[in-house]
Amino acid sequence: MKYLSRFKYIIVFVAGTLLVTVIGDNCLLQHYRYSKEISELEEEIDRQETLFAQDSIRLVSLERDPEAIRKIARERYFMKASDEDIFVLSDEIQEK
């Protein structure tokens, strides 16, 4: 017991350091997880902003150009004019 009382300040310092760095809600591991999550969310924000810019440009072109509406209707929804035929080609193998 006398041995422990001699090093009580060192023991308290080591225990406090362990408490702050390893155990608890504000430990270093939790800080690493939070920083990793923040970087992933920032990448997602950048990706969403890029998609938003592309969609905004597409929306402006749709509002100004009626030919763009026809192009999207033909490409995405396979719509056609009354005097034409559409053939849809696919690389997928049909299962029997």
N, C-alpha and C. Protein backbone atom coordinates (compact mmCIF):
# COMPACT_ATOMS: atom_id res chain seq x y z
N MET A 1 0.82 -1.19 0.00
CA MET A 1 0.00 0.00 0.00
C MET A 1 0.86 1.25 0.00
N LYS A 2 1.96 1.20 0.77
CA LYS A 2 2.87 2.33 0.82
C LYS A 2 3.51 2.56 -0.55
N TYR A 3 3.68 1.48 -1.29
CA TYR A 3 4.27 1.55 -2.62
C TYR A 3 3.34 2.31 -3.57
N LEU A 4 2.02 2.05 -3.47
CA LEU A 4 1.04 2.74 -4.32
C LEU A 4 0.91 4.21 -3.96
N SER A 5 1.02 4.55 -2.72
CA SER A 5 0.89 5.95 -2.32
C SER A 5 2.07 6.78 -2.80
N ARG A 6 3.19 6.14 -3.01
CA ARG A 6 4.36 6.84 -3.50
C ARG A 6 4.16 7.30 -4.95
N PHE A 7 3.44 6.48 -5.73
CA PHE A 7 3.24 6.79 -7.14
C PHE A 7 1.80 7.19 -7.44
N LYS A 8 1.11 7.75 -6.49
CA LYS A 8 -0.31 8.07 -6.67
C LYS A 8 -0.54 9.09 -7.78
N TYR A 9 0.36 10.05 -7.94
CA TYR A 9 0.18 11.04 -9.00
C TYR A 9 0.38 10.43 -10.39
N ILE A 10 1.34 9.54 -10.48
CA ILE A 10 1.59 8.86 -11.76
C ILE A 10 0.42 7.94 -12.11
N ILE A 11 -0.10 7.24 -11.11
CA ILE A 11 -1.24 6.35 -11.34
C ILE A 11 -2.47 7.14 -11.77
N VAL A 12 -2.72 8.27 -11.12
CA VAL A 12 -3.86 9.10 -11.48
C VAL A 12 -3.67 9.67 -12.89
N PHE A 13 -2.44 10.08 -13.20
CA PHE A 13 -2.17 10.62 -14.54
C PHE A 13 -2.38 9.56 -15.62
N VAL A 14 -1.87 8.36 -15.41
CA VAL A 14 -2.03 7.27 -16.39
C VAL A 14 -3.49 6.87 -16.51
N ALA A 15 -4.19 6.76 -15.40
CA ALA A 15 -5.61 6.39 -15.43
C ALA A 15 -6.43 7.48 -16.14
N GLY A 16 -6.13 8.73 -15.87
CA GLY A 16 -6.83 9.83 -16.53
C GLY A 16 -6.56 9.85 -18.03
N THR A 17 -5.32 9.61 -18.40
CA THR A 17 -4.96 9.57 -19.81
C THR A 17 -5.68 8.43 -20.52
N LEU A 18 -5.72 7.27 -19.90
CA LEU A 18 -6.44 6.14 -20.49
C LEU A 18 -7.93 6.43 -20.60
N LEU A 19 -8.46 7.05 -19.61
CA LEU A 19 -9.88 7.38 -19.62
C LEU A 19 -10.21 8.31 -20.79
N VAL A 20 -9.38 9.28 -21.01
CA VAL A 20 -9.64 10.26 -22.07
C VAL A 20 -9.36 9.69 -23.45
N THR A 21 -8.33 8.88 -23.60
CA THR A 21 -7.94 8.42 -24.94
C THR A 21 -8.57 7.10 -25.37
N VAL A 22 -8.93 6.25 -24.45
CA VAL A 22 -9.41 4.92 -24.83
C VAL A 22 -10.87 4.69 -24.45
N ILE A 23 -11.26 5.14 -23.29
CA ILE A 23 -12.60 4.85 -22.77
C ILE A 23 -13.44 6.12 -22.85
N GLY A 24 -14.71 5.94 -23.15
CA GLY A 24 -15.62 7.08 -23.12
C GLY A 24 -16.12 7.47 -24.50
N ASP A 25 -17.00 8.47 -24.51
CA ASP A 25 -17.60 8.91 -25.76
C ASP A 25 -16.66 9.76 -26.61
N ASN A 26 -15.67 10.36 -26.01
CA ASN A 26 -14.75 11.24 -26.73
C ASN A 26 -13.38 10.61 -26.92
N CYS A 27 -13.32 9.31 -27.04
CA CYS A 27 -12.04 8.65 -27.18
C CYS A 27 -11.49 8.85 -28.60
N LEU A 28 -10.23 8.51 -28.77
CA LEU A 28 -9.58 8.70 -30.07
C LEU A 28 -10.21 7.85 -31.16
N LEU A 29 -10.62 6.64 -30.82
CA LEU A 29 -11.26 5.78 -31.79
C LEU A 29 -12.57 6.39 -32.29
N GLN A 30 -13.33 6.98 -31.40
CA GLN A 30 -14.58 7.63 -31.78
C GLN A 30 -14.31 8.85 -32.65
N HIS A 31 -13.26 9.60 -32.34
CA HIS A 31 -12.88 10.75 -33.18
C HIS A 31 -12.52 10.28 -34.58
N TYR A 32 -11.81 9.16 -34.69
CA TYR A 32 -11.46 8.61 -35.99
C TYR A 32 -12.71 8.21 -36.76
N ARG A 33 -13.65 7.55 -36.10
CA ARG A 33 -14.90 7.16 -36.75
C ARG A 33 -15.69 8.37 -37.22
N TYR A 34 -15.75 9.39 -36.38
CA TYR A 34 -16.48 10.61 -36.76
C TYR A 34 -15.82 11.30 -37.94
N SER A 35 -14.51 11.39 -37.96
CA SER A 35 -13.84 12.05 -39.08
C SER A 35 -14.01 11.25 -40.36
N LYS A 36 -14.02 9.94 -40.27
CA LYS A 36 -14.25 9.10 -41.44
C LYS A 36 -15.68 9.30 -41.96
N GLU A 37 -16.64 9.35 -41.07
CA GLU A 37 -18.03 9.57 -41.46
C GLU A 37 -18.23 10.96 -42.06
N ILE A 38 -17.55 11.95 -41.51
CA ILE A 38 -17.64 13.30 -42.05
C ILE A 38 -17.09 13.35 -43.47
N SER A 39 -15.97 12.70 -43.71
CA SER A 39 -15.39 12.71 -45.06
C SER A 39 -16.30 11.98 -46.05
N GLU A 40 -16.93 10.89 -45.62
CA GLU A 40 -17.86 10.18 -46.50
C GLU A 40 -19.07 11.05 -46.81
N LEU A 41 -19.57 11.76 -45.81
CA LEU A 41 -20.72 12.63 -46.03
C LEU A 41 -20.36 13.82 -46.92
N GLU A 42 -19.16 14.35 -46.80
CA GLU A 42 -18.73 15.43 -47.67
C GLU A 42 -18.62 14.96 -49.11
N GLU A 43 -18.13 13.73 -49.32
CA GLU A 43 -18.08 13.17 -50.67
C GLU A 43 -19.48 13.00 -51.23
N GLU A 44 -20.42 12.57 -50.41
CA GLU A 44 -21.81 12.42 -50.84
C GLU A 44 -22.42 13.78 -51.19
N ILE A 45 -22.09 14.81 -50.43
CA ILE A 45 -22.57 16.15 -50.73
C ILE A 45 -22.03 16.61 -52.08
N ASP A 46 -20.75 16.39 -52.33
CA ASP A 46 -20.16 16.77 -53.62
C ASP A 46 -20.84 16.03 -54.77
N ARG A 47 -21.10 14.73 -54.58
CA ARG A 47 -21.75 13.94 -55.63
C ARG A 47 -23.16 14.45 -55.89
N GLN A 48 -23.89 14.76 -54.83
CA GLN A 48 -25.25 15.26 -54.98
C GLN A 48 -25.28 16.64 -55.63
N GLU A 49 -24.31 17.49 -55.30
CA GLU A 49 -24.24 18.81 -55.94
C GLU A 49 -23.95 18.68 -57.42
N THR A 50 -23.11 17.73 -57.80
CA THR A 50 -22.83 17.49 -59.22
C THR A 50 -24.08 17.02 -59.93
N LEU A 51 -24.81 16.09 -59.33
CA LEU A 51 -26.05 15.61 -59.93
C LEU A 51 -27.08 16.73 -60.03
N PHE A 52 -27.13 17.58 -59.02
CA PHE A 52 -28.07 18.70 -59.04
C PHE A 52 -27.74 19.66 -60.18
N ALA A 53 -26.46 19.94 -60.38
CA ALA A 53 -26.05 20.84 -61.47
C ALA A 53 -26.42 20.24 -62.83
N GLN A 54 -26.17 18.94 -63.00
CA GLN A 54 -26.53 18.29 -64.26
C GLN A 54 -28.03 18.31 -64.49
N ASP A 55 -28.80 18.04 -63.47
CA ASP A 55 -30.26 18.05 -63.60
C ASP A 55 -30.79 19.44 -63.84
N SER A 56 -30.16 20.45 -63.26
CA SER A 56 -30.59 21.83 -63.50
C SER A 56 -30.37 22.22 -64.95
N ILE A 57 -29.23 21.83 -65.50
CA ILE A 57 -28.95 22.11 -66.92
C ILE A 57 -29.96 21.39 -67.80
N ARG A 58 -30.26 20.15 -67.47
CA ARG A 58 -31.24 19.39 -68.25
C ARG A 58 -32.63 20.01 -68.16
N LEU A 59 -32.99 20.51 -66.98
CA LEU A 59 -34.29 21.14 -66.80
C LEU A 59 -34.41 22.42 -67.63
N VAL A 60 -33.35 23.21 -67.65
CA VAL A 60 -33.37 24.43 -68.46
C VAL A 60 -33.51 24.09 -69.93
N SER A 61 -32.81 23.06 -70.38
CA SER A 61 -32.91 22.67 -71.79
C SER A 61 -34.31 22.15 -72.11
N LEU A 62 -34.94 21.47 -71.17
CA LEU A 62 -36.30 20.98 -71.40
C LEU A 62 -37.31 22.13 -71.47
N GLU A 63 -37.09 23.16 -70.67
CA GLU A 63 -38.01 24.29 -70.68
C GLU A 63 -37.89 25.10 -71.96
N ARG A 64 -36.73 25.12 -72.58
CA ARG A 64 -36.51 25.97 -73.75
C ARG A 64 -36.61 25.24 -75.08
N ASP A 65 -36.37 23.93 -75.09
CA ASP A 65 -36.28 23.20 -76.36
C ASP A 65 -37.28 22.05 -76.39
N PRO A 66 -38.33 22.16 -77.22
CA PRO A 66 -39.29 21.04 -77.30
C PRO A 66 -38.69 19.78 -77.91
N GLU A 67 -37.63 19.93 -78.69
CA GLU A 67 -36.98 18.76 -79.27
C GLU A 67 -36.29 17.91 -78.19
N ALA A 68 -35.86 18.54 -77.12
CA ALA A 68 -35.25 17.80 -76.02
C ALA A 68 -36.28 16.92 -75.33
N ILE A 69 -37.51 17.38 -75.24
CA ILE A 69 -38.57 16.56 -74.65
C ILE A 69 -38.81 15.32 -75.50
N ARG A 70 -38.85 15.50 -76.81
CA ARG A 70 -39.02 14.34 -77.71
C ARG A 70 -37.86 13.36 -77.57
N LYS A 71 -36.66 13.89 -77.47
CA LYS A 71 -35.48 13.03 -77.35
C LYS A 71 -35.56 12.18 -76.07
N ILE A 72 -35.91 12.79 -74.96
CA ILE A 72 -36.01 12.05 -73.70
C ILE A 72 -37.15 11.04 -73.76
N ALA A 73 -38.26 11.43 -74.35
CA ALA A 73 -39.39 10.49 -74.47
C ALA A 73 -39.00 9.28 -75.30
N ARG A 74 -38.24 9.49 -76.34
CA ARG A 74 -37.82 8.36 -77.17
C ARG A 74 -36.78 7.49 -76.48
N GLU A 75 -35.81 8.10 -75.81
CA GLU A 75 -34.72 7.33 -75.21
C GLU A 75 -35.14 6.60 -73.94
N ARG A 76 -35.88 7.27 -73.08
CA ARG A 76 -36.20 6.67 -71.78
C ARG A 76 -37.49 5.86 -71.79
N TYR A 77 -38.48 6.34 -72.50
CA TYR A 77 -39.80 5.73 -72.41
C TYR A 77 -40.20 4.99 -73.68
N PHE A 78 -39.29 4.89 -74.63
CA PHE A 78 -39.48 4.15 -75.87
C PHE A 78 -40.74 4.60 -76.62
N MET A 79 -41.01 5.88 -76.58
CA MET A 79 -42.13 6.42 -77.34
C MET A 79 -41.69 6.62 -78.78
N LYS A 80 -42.65 6.61 -79.66
CA LYS A 80 -42.31 6.72 -81.08
C LYS A 80 -43.35 7.56 -81.78
N ALA A 81 -42.95 8.02 -82.95
CA ALA A 81 -43.89 8.73 -83.81
C ALA A 81 -44.76 7.69 -84.51
N SER A 82 -45.84 8.12 -85.10
CA SER A 82 -46.79 7.17 -85.70
C SER A 82 -46.22 6.46 -86.92
N ASP A 83 -45.22 7.00 -87.57
CA ASP A 83 -44.71 6.41 -88.80
C ASP A 83 -43.35 5.72 -88.63
N GLU A 84 -42.99 5.31 -87.41
CA GLU A 84 -41.69 4.67 -87.22
C GLU A 84 -41.82 3.44 -86.32
N ASP A 85 -40.82 2.57 -86.42
CA ASP A 85 -40.74 1.37 -85.60
C ASP A 85 -39.53 1.50 -84.67
N ILE A 86 -39.66 0.89 -83.49
CA ILE A 86 -38.57 0.92 -82.52
C ILE A 86 -38.14 -0.51 -82.22
N PHE A 87 -36.84 -0.72 -82.23
CA PHE A 87 -36.26 -2.01 -81.87
C PHE A 87 -35.38 -1.80 -80.64
N VAL A 88 -35.66 -2.54 -79.59
CA VAL A 88 -34.89 -2.43 -78.35
C VAL A 88 -33.92 -3.60 -78.32
N LEU A 89 -32.63 -3.27 -78.27
CA LEU A 89 -31.59 -4.29 -78.22
C LEU A 89 -31.07 -4.41 -76.80
N SER A 90 -30.84 -5.65 -76.38
CA SER A 90 -30.39 -5.87 -75.01
C SER A 90 -29.31 -6.95 -75.02
N ASP A 91 -28.36 -6.79 -74.09
CA ASP A 91 -27.30 -7.78 -73.94
C ASP A 91 -27.67 -8.87 -72.93
N GLU A 92 -28.78 -8.72 -72.28
CA GLU A 92 -29.18 -9.68 -71.27
C GLU A 92 -29.64 -10.99 -71.90
N ILE A 93 -29.29 -12.08 -71.27
CA ILE A 93 -29.70 -13.41 -71.75
C ILE A 93 -30.99 -13.76 -71.08
N GLN A 94 -31.98 -14.15 -71.87
CA GLN A 94 -33.28 -14.50 -71.31
C GLN A 94 -33.22 -15.92 -70.75
N GLU A 95 -33.77 -16.08 -69.55
CA GLU A 95 -33.81 -17.41 -68.93
C GLU A 95 -35.10 -18.10 -69.34
N LYS A 96 -35.02 -19.41 -69.53
CA LYS A 96 -36.20 -20.17 -69.95
C LYS A 96 -36.91 -20.73 -68.75
